Amino acid sequence: MYCKLIQSTTLIFTLLGCLKAAAPTVVVDPEIAALAEKLKDKTVKTRLKAIEDLAGKGDKAAPVADKICDATMDANGQVGLAALASLEKFDLTYTSHWWI
């Protein structure tokens, strides 16, 4: 029970990291944008690979971190956890999310 509470709390605080102040308009590298589109693919394997590739890009992929935040809520738990883990690779200071 305690472990689940810690996991839930960690998830909440990580997702709240996506709630930073609205970002200025940023031009996204076409390669990064293409990877971000793959986060919506039907196959789990493709979505996982896209998350891995985006995390490997580091802060270059930070402008699409909001799409990775969305992927944390993926129907497949493995994709959601991979997305959550990949968020620590980015500086989310200037990232906004759709509900802001």
C-alpha atoms as a PDB file:
ATOM      1  CA  MET A   1       0.000   0.000   0.000  1.00  0.00           C
ATOM      2  CA  TYR A   2       2.785   2.412   0.968  1.00  0.00           C
ATOM      3  CA  CYS A   3       4.696   1.631  -2.266  1.00  0.00           C
ATOM      4  CA  LYS A   4       1.617   2.352  -4.353  1.00  0.00           C
ATOM      5  CA  LEU A   5       1.184   5.671  -2.562  1.00  0.00           C
ATOM      6  CA  ILE A   6       4.787   6.631  -3.296  1.00  0.00           C
ATOM      7  CA  GLN A   7       4.422   5.582  -6.951  1.00  0.00           C
ATOM      8  CA  SER A   8       1.216   7.588  -7.285  1.00  0.00           C
ATOM      9  CA  THR A   9       2.757  10.621  -5.629  1.00  0.00           C
ATOM     10  CA  THR A  10       5.828  10.401  -7.866  1.00  0.00           C
ATOM     11  CA  LEU A  11       3.609  10.207 -10.948  1.00  0.00           C
ATOM     12  CA  ILE A  12       1.577  13.216  -9.843  1.00  0.00           C
ATOM     13  CA  PHE A  13       4.647  15.357  -9.177  1.00  0.00           C
ATOM     14  CA  THR A  14       6.226  14.322 -12.470  1.00  0.00           C
ATOM     15  CA  LEU A  15       3.091  15.206 -14.385  1.00  0.00           C
ATOM     16  CA  LEU A  16       2.878  18.503 -12.536  1.00  0.00           C
ATOM     17  CA  GLY A  17       6.332  19.225 -13.904  1.00  0.00           C
ATOM     18  CA  CYS A  18       4.574  19.550 -17.248  1.00  0.00           C
ATOM     19  CA  LEU A  19       2.502  22.402 -15.846  1.00  0.00           C
ATOM     20  CA  LYS A  20       5.202  25.046 -16.095  1.00  0.00           C
ATOM     21  CA  ALA A  21       4.512  28.501 -17.491  1.00  0.00           C
ATOM     22  CA  ALA A  22       3.437  28.699 -21.120  1.00  0.00           C
ATOM     23  CA  ALA A  23       6.336  28.301 -23.489  1.00  0.00           C
ATOM     24  CA  PRO A  24       7.285  30.754 -26.190  1.00  0.00           C
ATOM     25  CA  THR A  25       6.720  29.553 -29.742  1.00  0.00           C
ATOM     26  CA  VAL A  26       9.506  27.146 -30.635  1.00  0.00           C
ATOM     27  CA  VAL A  27      10.362  25.758 -34.038  1.00  0.00           C
ATOM     28  CA  VAL A  28      10.598  21.983 -33.676  1.00  0.00           C
ATOM     29  CA  ASP A  29      13.199  20.041 -35.625  1.00  0.00           C
ATOM     30  CA  PRO A  30      11.377  17.985 -38.317  1.00  0.00           C
ATOM     31  CA  GLU A  31      13.051  14.783 -37.093  1.00  0.00           C
ATOM     32  CA  ILE A  32      11.825  15.423 -33.545  1.00  0.00           C
ATOM     33  CA  ALA A  33       8.330  16.223 -34.825  1.00  0.00           C
ATOM     34  CA  ALA A  34       8.267  12.976 -36.812  1.00  0.00           C
ATOM     35  CA  LEU A  35       9.267  10.993 -33.719  1.00  0.00           C
ATOM     36  CA  ALA A  36       6.569  12.759 -31.693  1.00  0.00           C
ATOM     37  CA  GLU A  37       3.958  11.731 -34.270  1.00  0.00           C
ATOM     38  CA  LYS A  38       5.025   8.101 -33.796  1.00  0.00           C
ATOM     39  CA  LEU A  39       3.834   8.352 -30.190  1.00  0.00           C
ATOM     40  CA  LYS A  40       0.315   8.012 -31.624  1.00  0.00           C
ATOM     41  CA  ASP A  41       1.117   4.898 -33.671  1.00  0.00           C
ATOM     42  CA  LYS A  42      -1.102   1.835 -33.257  1.00  0.00           C
ATOM     43  CA  THR A  43       1.738  -0.536 -32.373  1.00  0.00           C
ATOM     44  CA  VAL A  44       3.269  -0.596 -28.918  1.00  0.00           C
ATOM     45  CA  LYS A  45       6.698  -1.385 -30.344  1.00  0.00           C
ATOM     46  CA  THR A  46       6.687   1.783 -32.471  1.00  0.00           C
ATOM     47  CA  ARG A  47       5.544   3.965 -29.572  1.00  0.00           C
ATOM     48  CA  LEU A  48       8.238   2.531 -27.288  1.00  0.00           C
ATOM     49  CA  LYS A  49      10.922   3.082 -29.930  1.00  0.00           C
ATOM     50  CA  ALA A  50       9.758   6.683 -30.431  1.00  0.00           C
ATOM     51  CA  ILE A  51       9.992   7.356 -26.691  1.00  0.00           C
ATOM     52  CA  GLU A  52      13.457   5.813 -26.558  1.00  0.00           C
ATOM     53  CA  ASP A  53      14.619   7.872 -29.556  1.00  0.00           C
ATOM     54  CA  LEU A  54      13.173  11.104 -28.158  1.00  0.00           C
ATOM     55  CA  ALA A  55      14.810  10.508 -24.776  1.00  0.00           C
ATOM     56  CA  GLY A  56      18.094   9.948 -26.599  1.00  0.00           C
ATOM     57  CA  LYS A  57      17.805  13.406 -28.167  1.00  0.00           C
ATOM     58  CA  GLY A  58      17.898  15.034 -24.728  1.00  0.00           C
ATOM     59  CA  ASP A  59      16.906  18.681 -24.530  1.00  0.00           C
ATOM     60  CA  LYS A  60      16.615  18.897 -28.329  1.00  0.00           C
ATOM     61  CA  ALA A  61      13.345  16.999 -27.855  1.00  0.00           C
ATOM     62  CA  ALA A  62      12.115  19.178 -24.983  1.00  0.00           C
ATOM     63  CA  PRO A  63       9.692  21.118 -27.238  1.00  0.00           C
ATOM     64  CA  VAL A  64       7.646  17.911 -27.654  1.00  0.00           C
ATOM     65  CA  ALA A  65       7.785  16.938 -23.981  1.00  0.00           C
ATOM     66  CA  ASP A  66       4.074  17.736 -23.732  1.00  0.00           C
ATOM     67  CA  LYS A  67       3.394  14.902 -26.178  1.00  0.00           C
ATOM     68  CA  ILE A  68       5.525  12.614 -24.016  1.00  0.00           C
ATOM     69  CA  CYS A  69       3.485  13.747 -20.998  1.00  0.00           C
ATOM     70  CA  ASP A  70       0.395  12.660 -22.911  1.00  0.00           C
ATOM     71  CA  ALA A  71       2.074   9.297 -23.582  1.00  0.00           C
ATOM     72  CA  THR A  72       2.385   8.690 -19.823  1.00  0.00           C
ATOM     73  CA  MET A  73      -1.359   8.050 -19.904  1.00  0.00           C
ATOM     74  CA  ASP A  74      -1.070   5.498 -22.744  1.00  0.00           C
ATOM     75  CA  ALA A  75      -3.415   2.515 -22.583  1.00  0.00           C
ATOM     76  CA  ASN A  76      -0.344   0.262 -22.513  1.00  0.00           C
ATOM     77  CA  GLY A  77       1.348   0.464 -19.120  1.00  0.00           C
ATOM     78  CA  GLN A  78       4.786  -0.262 -20.545  1.00  0.00           C
ATOM     79  CA  VAL A  79       4.527   2.753 -22.856  1.00  0.00           C
ATOM     80  CA  GLY A  80       3.278   4.942 -20.007  1.00  0.00           C
ATOM     81  CA  LEU A  81       6.154   3.966 -17.724  1.00  0.00           C
ATOM     82  CA  ALA A  82       8.721   4.442 -20.498  1.00  0.00           C
ATOM     83  CA  ALA A  83       7.312   7.900 -21.203  1.00  0.00           C
ATOM     84  CA  LEU A  84       7.387   8.777 -17.520  1.00  0.00           C
ATOM     85  CA  ALA A  85      10.994   7.624 -17.186  1.00  0.00           C
ATOM     86  CA  SER A  86      12.031   9.552 -20.292  1.00  0.00           C
ATOM     87  CA  LEU A  87      10.739  12.874 -18.915  1.00  0.00           C
ATOM     88  CA  GLU A  88      13.693  13.105 -16.554  1.00  0.00           C
ATOM     89  CA  LYS A  89      15.929  13.555 -19.608  1.00  0.00           C
ATOM     90  CA  PHE A  90      14.410  16.938 -20.431  1.00  0.00           C
ATOM     91  CA  ASP A  91      14.611  20.428 -18.992  1.00  0.00           C
ATOM     92  CA  LEU A  92      10.874  21.124 -18.704  1.00  0.00           C
ATOM     93  CA  THR A  93      11.269  24.734 -17.601  1.00  0.00           C
ATOM     94  CA  TYR A  94       9.707  26.152 -20.771  1.00  0.00           C
ATOM     95  CA  THR A  95       7.225  23.407 -21.532  1.00  0.00           C
ATOM     96  CA  SER A  96       3.456  23.809 -21.409  1.00  0.00           C
ATOM     97  CA  HIS A  97       0.724  21.234 -21.562  1.00  0.00           C
ATOM     98  CA  TRP A  98      -2.607  21.221 -23.319  1.00  0.00           C
ATOM     99  CA  TRP A  99      -4.628  22.163 -20.225  1.00  0.00           C
ATOM    100  CA  ILE A 100      -2.716  25.388 -19.594  1.00  0.00           C
END
